[in-house]
C-alpha atoms as a PDB file:
ATOM      1  CA  MET A   1       0.011   0.044  -0.011  1.00  0.00           C
ATOM      2  CA  PRO A   2       1.496   3.377  -0.918  1.00  0.00           C
ATOM      3  CA  ARG A   3       2.087   6.102   1.635  1.00  0.00           C
ATOM      4  CA  VAL A   4      -0.311   8.369  -0.372  1.00  0.00           C
ATOM      5  CA  LYS A   5      -2.606   7.905  -3.376  1.00  0.00           C
ATOM      6  CA  TYR A   6      -1.025   9.074  -6.553  1.00  0.00           C
ATOM      7  CA  THR A   7      -1.369   9.082 -10.310  1.00  0.00           C
ATOM      8  CA  GLU A   8       1.232   8.867 -13.058  1.00  0.00           C
ATOM      9  CA  LYS A   9       0.922  12.620 -13.484  1.00  0.00           C
ATOM     10  CA  ASP A  10       1.849  12.956  -9.777  1.00  0.00           C
ATOM     11  CA  VAL A  11       4.893  10.679 -10.324  1.00  0.00           C
ATOM     12  CA  ALA A  12       6.102  12.849 -13.215  1.00  0.00           C
ATOM     13  CA  LEU A  13       5.468  16.150 -11.363  1.00  0.00           C
ATOM     14  CA  MET A  14       7.274  14.847  -8.255  1.00  0.00           C
ATOM     15  CA  ALA A  15      10.196  13.555 -10.354  1.00  0.00           C
ATOM     16  CA  ARG A  16      10.593  16.956 -11.968  1.00  0.00           C
ATOM     17  CA  MET A  17      10.648  18.649  -8.629  1.00  0.00           C
ATOM     18  CA  MET A  18      13.114  16.227  -7.042  1.00  0.00           C
ATOM     19  CA  ARG A  19      15.485  16.708  -9.988  1.00  0.00           C
ATOM     20  CA  ALA A  20      15.130  20.480  -9.967  1.00  0.00           C
ATOM     21  CA  GLU A  21      15.729  20.805  -6.226  1.00  0.00           C
ATOM     22  CA  ALA A  22      18.481  18.219  -5.675  1.00  0.00           C
ATOM     23  CA  GLU A  23      19.936  16.750  -8.870  1.00  0.00           C
ATOM     24  CA  GLY A  24      23.427  17.843  -7.689  1.00  0.00           C
ATOM     25  CA  GLU A  25      23.037  15.753  -4.568  1.00  0.00           C
ATOM     26  CA  GLY A  26      22.483  12.475  -6.373  1.00  0.00           C
ATOM     27  CA  LYS A  27      19.805   9.823  -6.051  1.00  0.00           C
ATOM     28  CA  LEU A  28      19.905  10.006  -2.230  1.00  0.00           C
ATOM     29  CA  GLY A  29      19.549  13.824  -2.160  1.00  0.00           C
ATOM     30  CA  MET A  30      16.595  13.605  -4.607  1.00  0.00           C
ATOM     31  CA  LEU A  31      14.922  10.961  -2.411  1.00  0.00           C
ATOM     32  CA  MET A  32      15.256  13.183   0.633  1.00  0.00           C
ATOM     33  CA  VAL A  33      13.471  16.007  -1.251  1.00  0.00           C
ATOM     34  CA  GLY A  34      10.844  13.558  -2.412  1.00  0.00           C
ATOM     35  CA  ASN A  35      10.267  12.454   1.143  1.00  0.00           C
ATOM     36  CA  VAL A  36       9.530  16.025   2.184  1.00  0.00           C
ATOM     37  CA  ILE A  37       6.978  16.289  -0.561  1.00  0.00           C
ATOM     38  CA  VAL A  38       5.176  13.099   0.602  1.00  0.00           C
ATOM     39  CA  ASN A  39       5.452  14.272   4.206  1.00  0.00           C
ATOM     40  CA  ARG A  40       3.839  17.542   3.392  1.00  0.00           C
ATOM     41  CA  ARG A  41       0.985  15.795   1.678  1.00  0.00           C
ATOM     42  CA  LYS A  42       0.382  13.482   4.660  1.00  0.00           C
ATOM     43  CA  ALA A  43       0.887  16.147   7.467  1.00  0.00           C
ATOM     44  CA  ASP A  44      -2.392  18.122   7.311  1.00  0.00           C
ATOM     45  CA  CYS A  45      -0.985  20.529   9.911  1.00  0.00           C
ATOM     46  CA  LEU A  46       0.829  23.838  10.346  1.00  0.00           C
ATOM     47  CA  ASP A  47       1.650  25.371   6.937  1.00  0.00           C
ATOM     48  CA  PHE A  48       0.477  22.216   5.186  1.00  0.00           C
ATOM     49  CA  LYS A  49      -3.258  21.932   6.032  1.00  0.00           C
ATOM     50  CA  GLY A  50      -5.662  20.897   3.308  1.00  0.00           C
ATOM     51  CA  LEU A  51      -3.102  19.647   0.817  1.00  0.00           C
ATOM     52  CA  THR A  52      -4.908  16.706  -0.793  1.00  0.00           C
ATOM     53  CA  SER A  53      -2.610  15.890  -3.692  1.00  0.00           C
ATOM     54  CA  ILE A  54       0.989  15.907  -4.817  1.00  0.00           C
ATOM     55  CA  ARG A  55       0.065  18.730  -7.150  1.00  0.00           C
ATOM     56  CA  ASP A  56      -1.274  20.753  -4.223  1.00  0.00           C
ATOM     57  CA  VAL A  57       2.059  20.285  -2.430  1.00  0.00           C
ATOM     58  CA  ILE A  58       4.247  21.275  -5.449  1.00  0.00           C
ATOM     59  CA  PHE A  59       2.199  24.325  -6.389  1.00  0.00           C
ATOM     60  CA  GLN A  60       1.430  25.527  -2.838  1.00  0.00           C
ATOM     61  CA  VAL A  61       1.785  29.289  -2.372  1.00  0.00           C
ATOM     62  CA  GLN A  62       2.930  30.668   1.018  1.00  0.00           C
ATOM     63  CA  GLY A  63       3.369  34.357   1.634  1.00  0.00           C
ATOM     64  CA  GLY A  64       2.797  35.228  -2.029  1.00  0.00           C
ATOM     65  CA  ASN A  65       5.519  32.806  -3.309  1.00  0.00           C
ATOM     66  CA  PHE A  66       5.582  29.212  -4.290  1.00  0.00           C
ATOM     67  CA  SER A  67       6.764  26.951  -1.459  1.00  0.00           C
ATOM     68  CA  PHE A  68       9.371  25.366  -3.777  1.00  0.00           C
ATOM     69  CA  GLU A  69      11.815  27.797  -5.321  1.00  0.00           C
ATOM     70  CA  ALA A  70      12.152  25.590  -8.460  1.00  0.00           C
ATOM     71  CA  VAL A  71       8.533  26.426  -9.403  1.00  0.00           C
ATOM     72  CA  GLN A  72       9.206  30.124  -9.243  1.00  0.00           C
ATOM     73  CA  LYS A  73      12.528  30.204 -11.039  1.00  0.00           C
ATOM     74  CA  GLY A  74      11.594  27.594 -13.648  1.00  0.00           C
ATOM     75  CA  ASN A  75      14.980  26.104 -14.358  1.00  0.00           C
ATOM     76  CA  VAL A  76      15.043  22.263 -14.555  1.00  0.00           C
ATOM     77  CA  PHE A  77      11.519  21.898 -13.084  1.00  0.00           C
ATOM     78  CA  TYR A  78       9.917  22.660 -16.453  1.00  0.00           C
ATOM     79  CA  ASN A  79      11.785  19.959 -18.274  1.00  0.00           C
ATOM     80  CA  ARG A  80      10.203  16.629 -18.958  1.00  0.00           C
ATOM     81  CA  ALA A  81      10.479  14.007 -16.186  1.00  0.00           C
ATOM     82  CA  ARG A  82      13.095  11.368 -16.792  1.00  0.00           C
ATOM     83  CA  SER A  83      12.586   7.622 -16.040  1.00  0.00           C
ATOM     84  CA  ALA A  84      15.385   7.612 -13.455  1.00  0.00           C
ATOM     85  CA  GLU A  85      13.682  10.321 -11.429  1.00  0.00           C
ATOM     86  CA  LYS A  86      10.297   8.688 -11.894  1.00  0.00           C
ATOM     87  CA  ARG A  87      11.624   5.515 -10.232  1.00  0.00           C
ATOM     88  CA  LEU A  88      12.885   7.539  -7.332  1.00  0.00           C
ATOM     89  CA  ALA A  89       9.510   9.352  -6.978  1.00  0.00           C
ATOM     90  CA  ARG A  90       7.627   6.006  -6.952  1.00  0.00           C
ATOM     91  CA  GLN A  91       9.984   4.856  -4.177  1.00  0.00           C
ATOM     92  CA  ASN A  92       9.025   7.865  -2.058  1.00  0.00           C
ATOM     93  CA  LEU A  93       5.361   7.530  -2.797  1.00  0.00           C
ATOM     94  CA  ASN A  94       5.323   3.804  -1.965  1.00  0.00           C
ATOM     95  CA  TYR A  95       7.676   3.347   0.942  1.00  0.00           C
ATOM     96  CA  TRP A  96      10.957   5.256   1.180  1.00  0.00           C
ATOM     97  CA  ARG A  97      11.836   7.264   4.288  1.00  0.00           C
ATOM     98  CA  GLN A  98      15.274   7.913   5.774  1.00  0.00           C
ATOM     99  CA  HIS A  99      16.972  10.268   8.228  1.00  0.00           C
ATOM    100  CA  PRO A 100      17.366  13.227   8.103  1.00  0.00           C
ATOM    101  CA  SER A 101      14.254  13.610   5.983  1.00  0.00           C
ATOM    102  CA  LYS A 102      12.219  10.926   7.474  1.00  0.00           C
ATOM    103  CA  TYR A 103       9.776  13.222   9.202  1.00  0.00           C
ATOM    104  CA  ALA A 104      10.917  16.485   7.723  1.00  0.00           C
ATOM    105  CA  LEU A 105       8.564  19.035   6.403  1.00  0.00           C
ATOM    106  CA  TRP A 106      11.170  21.692   5.509  1.00  0.00           C
ATOM    107  CA  TYR A 107      14.571  21.804   3.917  1.00  0.00           C
ATOM    108  CA  PHE A 108      16.794  24.436   2.490  1.00  0.00           C
ATOM    109  CA  ASN A 109      20.337  25.227   1.401  1.00  0.00           C
ATOM    110  CA  PRO A 110      21.840  27.865   3.688  1.00  0.00           C
ATOM    111  CA  TYR A 111      25.129  28.162   1.797  1.00  0.00           C
ATOM    112  CA  GLY A 112      26.783  27.795   5.221  1.00  0.00           C
ATOM    113  CA  GLN A 113      26.126  26.024   8.511  1.00  0.00           C
ATOM    114  CA  CYS A 114      22.642  24.689   9.147  1.00  0.00           C
ATOM    115  CA  PRO A 115      20.829  26.781  11.859  1.00  0.00           C
ATOM    116  CA  SER A 116      19.577  24.839  14.907  1.00  0.00           C
ATOM    117  CA  THR A 117      15.964  25.857  13.935  1.00  0.00           C
ATOM    118  CA  TRP A 118      14.186  27.012  10.828  1.00  0.00           C
ATOM    119  CA  TYR A 119      10.995  28.936  11.307  1.00  0.00           C
ATOM    120  CA  GLY A 120      11.079  27.644  14.910  1.00  0.00           C
ATOM    121  CA  GLN A 121      11.284  24.032  13.846  1.00  0.00           C
ATOM    122  CA  PRO A 122      14.191  21.737  14.958  1.00  0.00           C
ATOM    123  CA  PHE A 123      17.005  20.724  12.838  1.00  0.00           C
ATOM    124  CA  THR A 124      17.120  17.002  12.164  1.00  0.00           C
ATOM    125  CA  GLY A 125      20.257  16.719  10.075  1.00  0.00           C
ATOM    126  CA  GLN A 126      21.999  17.613   6.859  1.00  0.00           C
ATOM    127  CA  PHE A 127      22.598  15.734   3.589  1.00  0.00           C
ATOM    128  CA  LYS A 128      25.149  17.461   1.403  1.00  0.00           C
ATOM    129  CA  GLU A 129      24.022  21.045   1.027  1.00  0.00           C
ATOM    130  CA  HIS A 130      20.435  20.693   2.412  1.00  0.00           C
ATOM    131  CA  CYS A 131      19.341  21.091   5.980  1.00  0.00           C
ATOM    132  CA  TYR A 132      16.251  19.272   7.115  1.00  0.00           C
ATOM    133  CA  TYR A 133      13.754  20.222   9.765  1.00  0.00           C
ATOM    134  CA  GLU A 134      10.798  18.375  11.311  1.00  0.00           C
ATOM    135  CA  PRO A 135       7.958  19.793  13.324  1.00  0.00           C
ATOM    136  CA  GLN A 136       8.236  20.534  16.987  1.00  0.00           C
ATOM    137  CA  GLY A 137       7.051  17.565  19.084  1.00  0.00           C
ATOM    138  CA  GLY A 138       3.241  17.418  19.509  1.00  0.00           C
ATOM    139  CA  THR A 139       2.488  20.020  16.830  1.00  0.00           C
ATOM    140  CA  CYS A 140       1.972  17.792  13.805  1.00  0.00           C
ATOM    141  CA  PRO A 141       1.095  14.172  14.413  1.00  0.00           C
ATOM    142  CA  GLY A 142       0.365  13.734  10.684  1.00  0.00           C
ATOM    143  CA  ALA A 143       4.052  14.103   9.831  1.00  0.00           C
ATOM    144  CA  TYR A 144       4.795  11.023  11.812  1.00  0.00           C
ATOM    145  CA  ARG A 145       2.170   8.713  10.227  1.00  0.00           C
ATOM    146  CA  TRP A 146       3.263   6.024   7.814  1.00  0.00           C
END
């Protein structure tokens, strides 16, 4: 049973985002970004209430900007999804979770040291250039559901 319901369009969209956000961090880096996407879809809390599809997550607007920088800037995100990234996206959608993105709802590249918190949320770890953050305990049970 998959972690969330999805269509082939969701797979392609998520694959494009994973590549655009983390291609330089290899397969594992792209899986970490994909995990955050699935976590946001499942969370239904904090900044991520009411997101009912992968598309909702990818195109979410917060504070007048898209949540994912790649949507705003275009770059690689608007290229066709490749089969390698689609395989990774399916892994995320079906079962893949790993520290430091296992429960993370946020990540970013600080171009320096990772801060101990990001928007008040605790740092869980770093993979290459991206820092990952999960919700404070007790604030988002949905982020911890399988």
